[in-house]
Amino acid sequence: MKSTIAIQGILGSNHHKVAQLYFGNEIQLDECLSFDALVHSLIHGKSDYAIMAIENTIAGSIIPNYALIDANNIHINGEYYLNIHHHLMALPNQTIEDITEVCSHPMALLQCKEFFKQYPHIKLVEDNDTAEVARRIQEQKLKGTAAIATKTAAELFQLHVLSAEIQTIKTNATRFVILQKEKPSNGIDQIDKASLRFELDHKRGSLATVLNVMSDCKLNLTKIQSLPIIETPWKYAFFVDVTFEAYEDYTKAISILEIMSTSLKVLGTYKNQRNT
């Protein structure tokens, strides 16, 4: 039986590409035009797994997605790093001078910001999904409107690439996390990375002490992100990713952090893909 994978976007999107690369081609897709819809699909059983972009080398962390994972008590089962290639595309027989409006996902627009400085006549409009805009241009025959999307989207929706590789930094990459509703059952031999959320007493040196514990336990901190705790003004929750060589080092650190923190949640334990 094919697994159903919830993705943000449609066929031809980067989330679709990650679904294929991670799970293979024998999958069914639940296309969601927002991350909220993606999480709804997962927690209500419409999909077995979900793929969510979490950070980008140009745009940084997608902070609302951390909050979505936490608030809905869903679990990280894996990750995938994808090199992102943005291409400007429109209906055939047009030049870039004919384009007056470019619609795309806010992250894609941000990652291509420098390119459009040379075309001040073009209006940039935020939209739900890169590939969905490409499909709409084709279906509605929208002249003067362009999309930022993948080459796959250009091929699927028969659009002409006006300019390739328009991302500001050519080594642009996005980290995606693989989500599931139930706690993963990854074996110890498959685990060398963990995503954690914790809260600390609001006093001097509390965060530094926790970071020292991680270092002493031989954990490598690869990511730290703070989010305000809505119910408690000026108090923050910390989201961290750590890698480790020995699972025993990780369990030792967790046992200490449970004592030191006012709240500790393991969002997921999984395989570090940056080493594969």
Protein backbone atom coordinates (compact mmCIF):
# COMPACT_ATOMS: atom_id res chain seq x y z
CA MET A 1 0.00 0.00 0.00
CA LYS A 2 1.35 3.40 -0.98
CA SER A 3 2.14 5.91 1.74
CA THR A 4 0.37 9.26 1.52
CA ILE A 5 2.71 12.22 1.91
CA ALA A 6 1.41 15.70 2.72
CA ILE A 7 3.41 18.42 0.97
CA GLN A 8 3.19 22.19 1.01
CA GLY A 9 2.44 22.97 -2.61
CA ILE A 10 1.60 20.91 -5.65
CA LEU A 11 3.28 18.75 -8.27
CA GLY A 12 6.49 20.43 -9.37
CA SER A 13 7.15 22.12 -6.03
CA ASN A 14 10.32 21.62 -4.00
CA HIS A 15 8.29 19.78 -1.36
CA HIS A 16 7.16 17.37 -4.09
CA LYS A 17 10.79 16.84 -5.13
CA VAL A 18 11.82 16.05 -1.54
CA ALA A 19 8.92 13.59 -1.22
CA GLN A 20 10.21 11.69 -4.26
CA LEU A 21 13.85 11.78 -3.19
CA TYR A 22 13.10 10.67 0.37
CA PHE A 23 10.27 8.16 -0.15
CA GLY A 24 10.64 7.18 -3.83
CA ASN A 25 8.09 7.49 -6.61
CA GLU A 26 5.59 4.95 -5.25
CA ILE A 27 3.71 7.46 -3.11
CA GLN A 28 0.45 9.35 -3.05
CA LEU A 29 0.46 13.09 -2.42
CA ASP A 30 -1.84 15.28 -0.39
CA GLU A 31 -1.24 18.74 -1.86
CA CYS A 32 -1.64 21.47 0.77
CA LEU A 33 -1.43 25.18 -0.03
CA SER A 34 -0.37 26.17 3.50
CA PHE A 35 1.67 24.68 6.32
CA ASP A 36 -1.41 24.82 8.55
CA ALA A 37 -3.27 22.64 6.04
CA LEU A 38 -0.28 20.29 5.91
CA VAL A 39 -0.33 19.79 9.69
CA HIS A 40 -4.14 19.34 9.61
CA SER A 41 -3.71 16.59 7.01
CA LEU A 42 -1.23 14.77 9.23
CA ILE A 43 -3.01 14.99 12.57
CA HIS A 44 -6.40 14.05 11.07
CA GLY A 45 -5.06 10.96 9.32
CA LYS A 46 -5.30 12.11 5.70
CA SER A 47 -1.56 11.49 5.31
CA ASP A 48 1.00 9.12 6.82
CA TYR A 49 3.88 11.61 6.71
CA ALA A 50 4.35 15.31 6.01
CA ILE A 51 7.27 17.23 4.57
CA MET A 52 7.91 20.72 5.92
CA ALA A 53 10.59 23.27 5.06
CA ILE A 54 12.16 24.48 8.29
CA GLU A 55 15.17 26.64 7.35
CA ASN A 56 17.01 28.08 4.37
CA THR A 57 20.60 29.23 3.90
CA ILE A 58 19.44 32.64 2.61
CA ALA A 59 16.14 33.31 4.37
CA GLY A 60 17.01 31.63 7.68
CA SER A 61 14.55 29.82 9.93
CA ILE A 62 10.87 29.52 9.05
CA ILE A 63 9.90 30.39 12.60
CA PRO A 64 6.12 29.72 12.41
CA ASN A 65 6.86 26.12 11.44
CA TYR A 66 8.70 25.50 14.70
CA ALA A 67 5.58 26.69 16.52
CA LEU A 68 3.34 24.43 14.40
CA ILE A 69 5.40 21.34 15.22
CA ASP A 70 5.40 22.16 18.91
CA ALA A 71 1.75 23.22 19.31
CA ASN A 72 0.41 20.15 17.49
CA ASN A 73 2.68 17.64 19.23
CA ILE A 74 3.87 16.08 16.00
CA HIS A 75 7.21 14.33 15.65
CA ILE A 76 10.28 14.73 13.45
CA ASN A 77 11.24 11.39 11.90
CA GLY A 78 13.95 12.55 9.51
CA GLU A 79 15.37 15.41 7.47
CA TYR A 80 16.46 16.21 3.93
CA TYR A 81 18.69 18.97 2.57
CA LEU A 82 17.77 20.13 -0.93
CA ASN A 83 19.73 22.50 -3.13
CA ILE A 84 17.23 25.10 -4.32
CA HIS A 85 17.19 26.32 -7.92
CA HIS A 86 14.82 29.18 -8.70
CA HIS A 87 13.86 29.94 -12.31
CA LEU A 88 11.72 32.75 -13.68
CA MET A 89 9.07 31.43 -16.07
CA ALA A 90 6.09 32.64 -18.05
CA LEU A 91 3.95 31.79 -21.09
CA PRO A 92 5.98 31.37 -24.30
CA ASN A 93 6.80 34.24 -26.68
CA GLN A 94 7.41 36.80 -23.93
CA THR A 95 10.56 38.53 -22.72
CA ILE A 96 11.35 39.70 -19.23
CA GLU A 97 10.53 43.26 -20.35
CA ASP A 98 6.95 42.07 -20.99
CA ILE A 99 6.55 40.92 -17.39
CA THR A 100 4.86 43.37 -15.02
CA GLU A 101 4.15 41.05 -12.09
CA VAL A 102 5.90 38.08 -10.48
CA CYS A 103 3.91 35.97 -8.04
CA SER A 104 5.53 33.42 -5.75
CA HIS A 105 5.88 32.10 -2.24
CA PRO A 106 7.33 34.75 0.12
CA MET A 107 10.45 32.65 0.75
CA ALA A 108 11.17 32.33 -2.96
CA LEU A 109 10.77 36.09 -3.43
CA LEU A 110 13.13 36.73 -0.54
CA GLN A 111 15.72 34.33 -1.94
CA CYS A 112 15.65 36.11 -5.33
CA LYS A 113 15.46 39.68 -4.07
CA GLU A 114 18.74 40.86 -5.61
CA PHE A 115 17.80 39.65 -9.11
CA PHE A 116 14.72 41.87 -9.29
CA LYS A 117 16.58 45.04 -8.34
CA GLN A 118 17.58 45.31 -12.00
CA TYR A 119 13.91 45.18 -13.07
CA PRO A 120 12.14 47.93 -11.07
CA HIS A 121 9.10 47.76 -13.38
CA ILE A 122 8.22 44.31 -12.03
CA LYS A 123 5.84 44.12 -9.07
CA LEU A 124 6.54 41.28 -6.62
CA VAL A 125 3.43 39.63 -5.19
CA GLU A 126 3.37 37.04 -2.40
CA ASP A 127 1.41 33.87 -3.13
CA ASN A 128 0.78 30.43 -1.61
CA ASP A 129 3.10 28.23 -3.64
CA THR A 130 5.68 28.47 -6.41
CA ALA A 131 4.39 25.64 -8.59
CA GLU A 132 0.73 26.57 -8.05
CA VAL A 133 1.42 29.99 -9.57
CA ALA A 134 3.03 28.30 -12.57
CA ARG A 135 -0.05 26.12 -13.03
CA ARG A 136 -2.37 29.13 -12.75
CA ILE A 137 -0.43 31.05 -15.40
CA GLN A 138 -0.90 28.16 -17.79
CA GLU A 139 -4.54 27.46 -16.98
CA GLN A 140 -5.59 31.12 -17.15
CA LYS A 141 -3.15 32.06 -19.93
CA LEU A 142 -1.86 34.99 -17.89
CA LYS A 143 0.37 37.17 -20.03
CA GLY A 144 2.62 39.66 -18.29
CA THR A 145 2.75 37.48 -15.18
CA ALA A 146 5.67 35.25 -14.25
CA ALA A 147 6.34 32.61 -11.63
CA ILE A 148 9.44 31.60 -9.70
CA ALA A 149 9.54 27.83 -9.66
CA THR A 150 11.49 24.69 -10.52
CA LYS A 151 12.38 23.47 -14.01
CA THR A 152 10.05 20.56 -13.34
CA ALA A 153 7.18 23.02 -12.93
CA ALA A 154 8.13 24.74 -16.19
CA GLU A 155 8.01 21.37 -17.97
CA LEU A 156 4.77 20.26 -16.30
CA PHE A 157 2.93 23.48 -17.13
CA GLN A 158 4.61 24.23 -20.47
CA LEU A 159 6.13 27.55 -19.48
CA HIS A 160 9.19 29.25 -20.93
CA VAL A 161 12.14 29.90 -18.62
CA LEU A 162 13.00 33.59 -18.96
CA SER A 163 15.97 33.44 -16.64
CA ALA A 164 17.52 30.46 -14.86
CA GLU A 165 19.15 30.26 -11.43
CA ILE A 166 17.94 33.65 -10.18
CA GLN A 167 18.49 32.93 -6.46
CA THR A 168 20.79 35.47 -4.81
CA ILE A 169 23.23 32.87 -3.52
CA LYS A 170 23.89 30.02 -5.91
CA THR A 171 24.59 27.58 -3.07
CA ASN A 172 21.04 28.08 -1.80
CA ALA A 173 19.74 25.11 0.18
CA THR A 174 16.68 24.34 2.29
CA ARG A 175 16.40 21.88 5.14
CA PHE A 176 13.16 19.92 5.21
CA VAL A 177 11.91 17.81 8.11
CA ILE A 178 9.89 14.63 7.76
CA LEU A 179 6.95 14.64 10.17
CA GLN A 180 4.59 12.02 11.51
CA LYS A 181 1.78 11.97 14.06
CA GLU A 182 3.05 9.09 16.18
CA LYS A 183 6.38 8.95 17.96
CA PRO A 184 8.99 7.44 15.59
CA SER A 185 10.46 4.04 16.31
CA ASN A 186 13.91 4.66 14.83
CA GLY A 187 16.49 2.17 16.09
CA ILE A 188 19.48 3.39 18.06
CA ASP A 189 21.77 2.55 15.14
CA GLN A 190 19.70 4.94 12.97
CA ILE A 191 19.91 7.88 15.37
CA ASP A 192 22.67 10.48 15.59
CA LYS A 193 20.64 13.71 15.68
CA ALA A 194 17.88 15.10 17.88
CA SER A 195 15.56 18.11 17.86
CA LEU A 196 14.67 19.43 21.31
CA ARG A 197 12.50 22.14 22.84
CA PHE A 198 13.10 23.40 26.34
CA GLU A 199 12.23 26.25 28.70
CA LEU A 200 14.45 27.66 31.41
CA ASP A 201 14.08 29.78 34.51
CA HIS A 202 14.49 33.44 33.63
CA LYS A 203 17.78 34.00 35.40
CA ARG A 204 21.32 34.93 34.43
CA GLY A 205 23.45 32.20 32.94
CA SER A 206 20.73 29.55 32.63
CA LEU A 207 21.12 29.12 28.87
CA ALA A 208 24.92 29.17 29.06
CA THR A 209 24.81 26.40 31.67
CA VAL A 210 22.62 24.22 29.45
CA LEU A 211 24.90 24.74 26.47
CA ASN A 212 27.90 23.76 28.60
CA VAL A 213 26.11 20.55 29.61
CA MET A 214 25.57 19.70 25.94
CA SER A 215 29.24 20.31 25.23
CA ASP A 216 30.35 18.26 28.23
CA CYS A 217 28.15 15.39 27.02
CA LYS A 218 29.82 15.56 23.59
CA LEU A 219 26.76 16.89 21.79
CA ASN A 220 27.36 19.17 18.81
CA LEU A 221 24.88 22.06 18.69
CA THR A 222 23.93 22.60 15.01
CA LYS A 223 20.95 24.91 15.48
CA ILE A 224 19.41 27.11 18.16
CA GLN A 225 16.21 29.14 17.75
CA SER A 226 14.21 31.01 20.37
CA LEU A 227 10.45 31.60 20.24
CA PRO A 228 8.41 33.72 22.65
CA ILE A 229 6.03 31.86 24.94
CA ILE A 230 2.76 33.60 24.15
CA GLU A 231 1.19 33.05 27.56
CA THR A 232 4.25 34.43 29.41
CA PRO A 233 5.53 37.80 28.11
CA TRP A 234 9.33 38.09 27.80
CA LYS A 235 9.88 34.39 28.36
CA TYR A 236 11.19 32.19 25.57
CA ALA A 237 11.30 28.56 24.52
CA PHE A 238 14.47 27.30 22.87
CA PHE A 239 14.53 24.92 19.93
CA VAL A 240 17.85 23.19 19.32
CA ASP A 241 19.26 20.53 17.03
CA VAL A 242 22.16 18.44 18.29
CA THR A 243 24.25 15.70 16.72
CA PHE A 244 26.21 13.02 18.57
CA GLU A 245 28.40 9.99 17.88
CA ALA A 246 27.32 7.84 20.83
CA TYR A 247 23.66 7.40 21.76
CA GLU A 248 24.74 7.06 25.40
CA ASP A 249 26.07 10.64 25.31
CA TYR A 250 22.66 11.84 24.12
CA THR A 251 20.70 9.97 26.81
CA LYS A 252 23.06 11.29 29.49
CA ALA A 253 22.50 14.87 28.29
CA ILE A 254 18.72 14.38 28.23
CA SER A 255 18.67 13.10 31.80
CA ILE A 256 20.53 16.22 32.97
CA LEU A 257 18.43 18.61 30.86
CA GLU A 258 15.25 17.17 32.33
CA ILE A 259 16.47 18.32 35.73
CA MET A 260 17.81 21.71 34.62
CA SER A 261 14.89 22.84 32.45
CA THR A 262 11.38 23.76 33.51
CA SER A 263 10.05 21.95 30.44
CA LEU A 264 11.77 19.60 27.99
CA LYS A 265 10.29 18.02 24.88
CA VAL A 266 12.04 15.74 22.40
CA LEU A 267 10.61 16.71 19.01
CA GLY A 268 12.39 13.86 17.23
CA THR A 269 15.46 11.60 17.03
CA TYR A 270 16.66 10.65 13.59
CA LYS A 271 19.58 10.29 11.14
CA ASN A 272 21.71 13.32 10.39
CA GLN A 273 21.48 13.70 6.59
CA ARG A 274 24.30 16.22 6.23
CA ASN A 275 26.80 13.41 6.72
CA THR A 276 25.24 11.12 4.10
